[in-house]
N, C-alpha and C. Protein backbone atom coordinates (compact mmCIF):
# COMPACT_ATOMS: atom_id res chain seq x y z
N UNK A 1 7.35 3.09 18.77
CA UNK A 1 7.27 4.22 17.87
C UNK A 1 5.91 4.18 17.18
N UNK A 2 5.28 5.33 17.09
CA UNK A 2 4.02 5.45 16.38
C UNK A 2 4.29 5.85 14.94
N UNK A 3 3.53 5.26 14.02
CA UNK A 3 3.71 5.56 12.60
C UNK A 3 2.35 5.74 11.93
N UNK A 4 2.37 6.43 10.81
CA UNK A 4 1.20 6.57 9.95
C UNK A 4 1.48 5.80 8.67
N UNK A 5 0.42 5.26 8.10
CA UNK A 5 0.53 4.54 6.83
C UNK A 5 -0.16 5.37 5.75
N UNK A 6 0.55 5.60 4.67
CA UNK A 6 0.01 6.34 3.54
C UNK A 6 -0.04 5.39 2.35
N UNK A 7 -1.23 5.21 1.79
CA UNK A 7 -1.39 4.33 0.63
C UNK A 7 -2.12 5.06 -0.47
N UNK A 8 -1.77 4.70 -1.73
CA UNK A 8 -2.46 5.30 -2.87
C UNK A 8 -2.12 4.53 -4.13
N UNK A 9 -2.94 4.67 -5.13
CA UNK A 9 -2.62 4.21 -6.48
C UNK A 9 -2.79 5.39 -7.40
N UNK A 10 -1.91 5.48 -8.39
CA UNK A 10 -1.94 6.61 -9.31
C UNK A 10 -2.75 6.31 -10.56
N UNK A 11 -2.77 5.04 -10.95
CA UNK A 11 -3.44 4.68 -12.19
C UNK A 11 -4.30 3.44 -11.99
N UNK A 12 -5.21 3.22 -12.91
CA UNK A 12 -6.03 2.01 -12.86
C UNK A 12 -5.17 0.77 -13.06
N UNK A 13 -4.12 0.88 -13.85
CA UNK A 13 -3.22 -0.25 -14.07
C UNK A 13 -2.59 -0.71 -12.77
N UNK A 14 -2.18 0.22 -11.93
CA UNK A 14 -1.61 -0.16 -10.64
C UNK A 14 -2.63 -0.91 -9.80
N UNK A 15 -3.84 -0.46 -9.81
CA UNK A 15 -4.89 -1.11 -9.02
C UNK A 15 -5.15 -2.52 -9.53
N UNK A 16 -5.01 -2.73 -10.83
CA UNK A 16 -5.26 -4.05 -11.42
C UNK A 16 -4.08 -4.99 -11.26
N UNK A 17 -2.88 -4.45 -11.13
CA UNK A 17 -1.67 -5.27 -11.13
C UNK A 17 -1.16 -5.56 -9.72
N UNK A 18 -2.06 -5.99 -8.85
CA UNK A 18 -1.68 -6.40 -7.49
C UNK A 18 -1.02 -5.28 -6.69
N UNK A 19 -1.40 -4.06 -6.94
CA UNK A 19 -0.87 -2.93 -6.17
C UNK A 19 -2.05 -2.13 -5.62
N UNK A 20 -3.13 -2.85 -5.33
CA UNK A 20 -4.34 -2.19 -4.87
C UNK A 20 -4.14 -1.60 -3.47
N UNK A 21 -5.06 -0.78 -3.05
CA UNK A 21 -4.98 -0.18 -1.73
C UNK A 21 -4.99 -1.25 -0.65
N UNK A 22 -5.80 -2.28 -0.84
CA UNK A 22 -5.88 -3.34 0.15
C UNK A 22 -4.56 -4.09 0.30
N UNK A 23 -3.93 -4.38 -0.83
CA UNK A 23 -2.64 -5.09 -0.81
C UNK A 23 -1.59 -4.24 -0.12
N UNK A 24 -1.54 -2.96 -0.43
CA UNK A 24 -0.58 -2.07 0.19
C UNK A 24 -0.79 -2.00 1.70
N UNK A 25 -2.05 -1.86 2.10
CA UNK A 25 -2.37 -1.75 3.53
C UNK A 25 -1.95 -3.01 4.28
N UNK A 26 -2.28 -4.16 3.73
CA UNK A 26 -1.92 -5.42 4.39
C UNK A 26 -0.40 -5.54 4.53
N UNK A 27 0.33 -5.21 3.47
CA UNK A 27 1.78 -5.30 3.51
C UNK A 27 2.37 -4.36 4.57
N UNK A 28 1.90 -3.11 4.57
CA UNK A 28 2.47 -2.13 5.49
C UNK A 28 2.07 -2.40 6.94
N UNK A 29 0.85 -2.89 7.16
CA UNK A 29 0.47 -3.25 8.52
C UNK A 29 1.30 -4.42 9.02
N UNK A 30 1.55 -5.39 8.16
CA UNK A 30 2.38 -6.53 8.53
C UNK A 30 3.80 -6.07 8.85
N UNK A 31 4.34 -5.20 8.03
CA UNK A 31 5.68 -4.68 8.26
C UNK A 31 5.76 -3.95 9.60
N UNK A 32 4.79 -3.09 9.86
CA UNK A 32 4.79 -2.32 11.11
C UNK A 32 4.73 -3.25 12.32
N UNK A 33 3.88 -4.26 12.24
CA UNK A 33 3.76 -5.21 13.35
C UNK A 33 5.08 -5.95 13.57
N UNK A 34 5.68 -6.41 12.48
CA UNK A 34 6.93 -7.15 12.55
C UNK A 34 8.05 -6.31 13.16
N UNK A 35 8.05 -5.01 12.86
CA UNK A 35 9.10 -4.11 13.35
C UNK A 35 8.77 -3.51 14.72
N UNK A 36 7.58 -3.80 15.24
CA UNK A 36 7.20 -3.30 16.55
C UNK A 36 6.66 -1.88 16.56
N UNK A 37 6.18 -1.41 15.42
CA UNK A 37 5.63 -0.05 15.34
C UNK A 37 4.14 -0.07 15.68
N UNK A 38 3.68 1.01 16.25
CA UNK A 38 2.25 1.19 16.54
C UNK A 38 1.66 2.09 15.46
N UNK A 39 0.66 1.61 14.76
CA UNK A 39 0.01 2.39 13.72
C UNK A 39 -1.03 3.28 14.36
N UNK A 40 -0.89 4.58 14.19
CA UNK A 40 -1.87 5.49 14.78
C UNK A 40 -2.85 6.04 13.75
N UNK A 41 -2.52 5.94 12.47
CA UNK A 41 -3.43 6.43 11.44
C UNK A 41 -3.08 5.83 10.09
N UNK A 42 -4.12 5.53 9.32
CA UNK A 42 -3.94 5.05 7.94
C UNK A 42 -4.62 6.06 7.04
């Protein structure tokens, strides 16, 4: 299955509190790989 990853932060606090774009991307890419999904766009 092909999937897209959507990441964002709404506030500066989210970016500072370990919810940065990089952290989200790493988590979601790891999840997709573990579940056997093919990422076609981030």
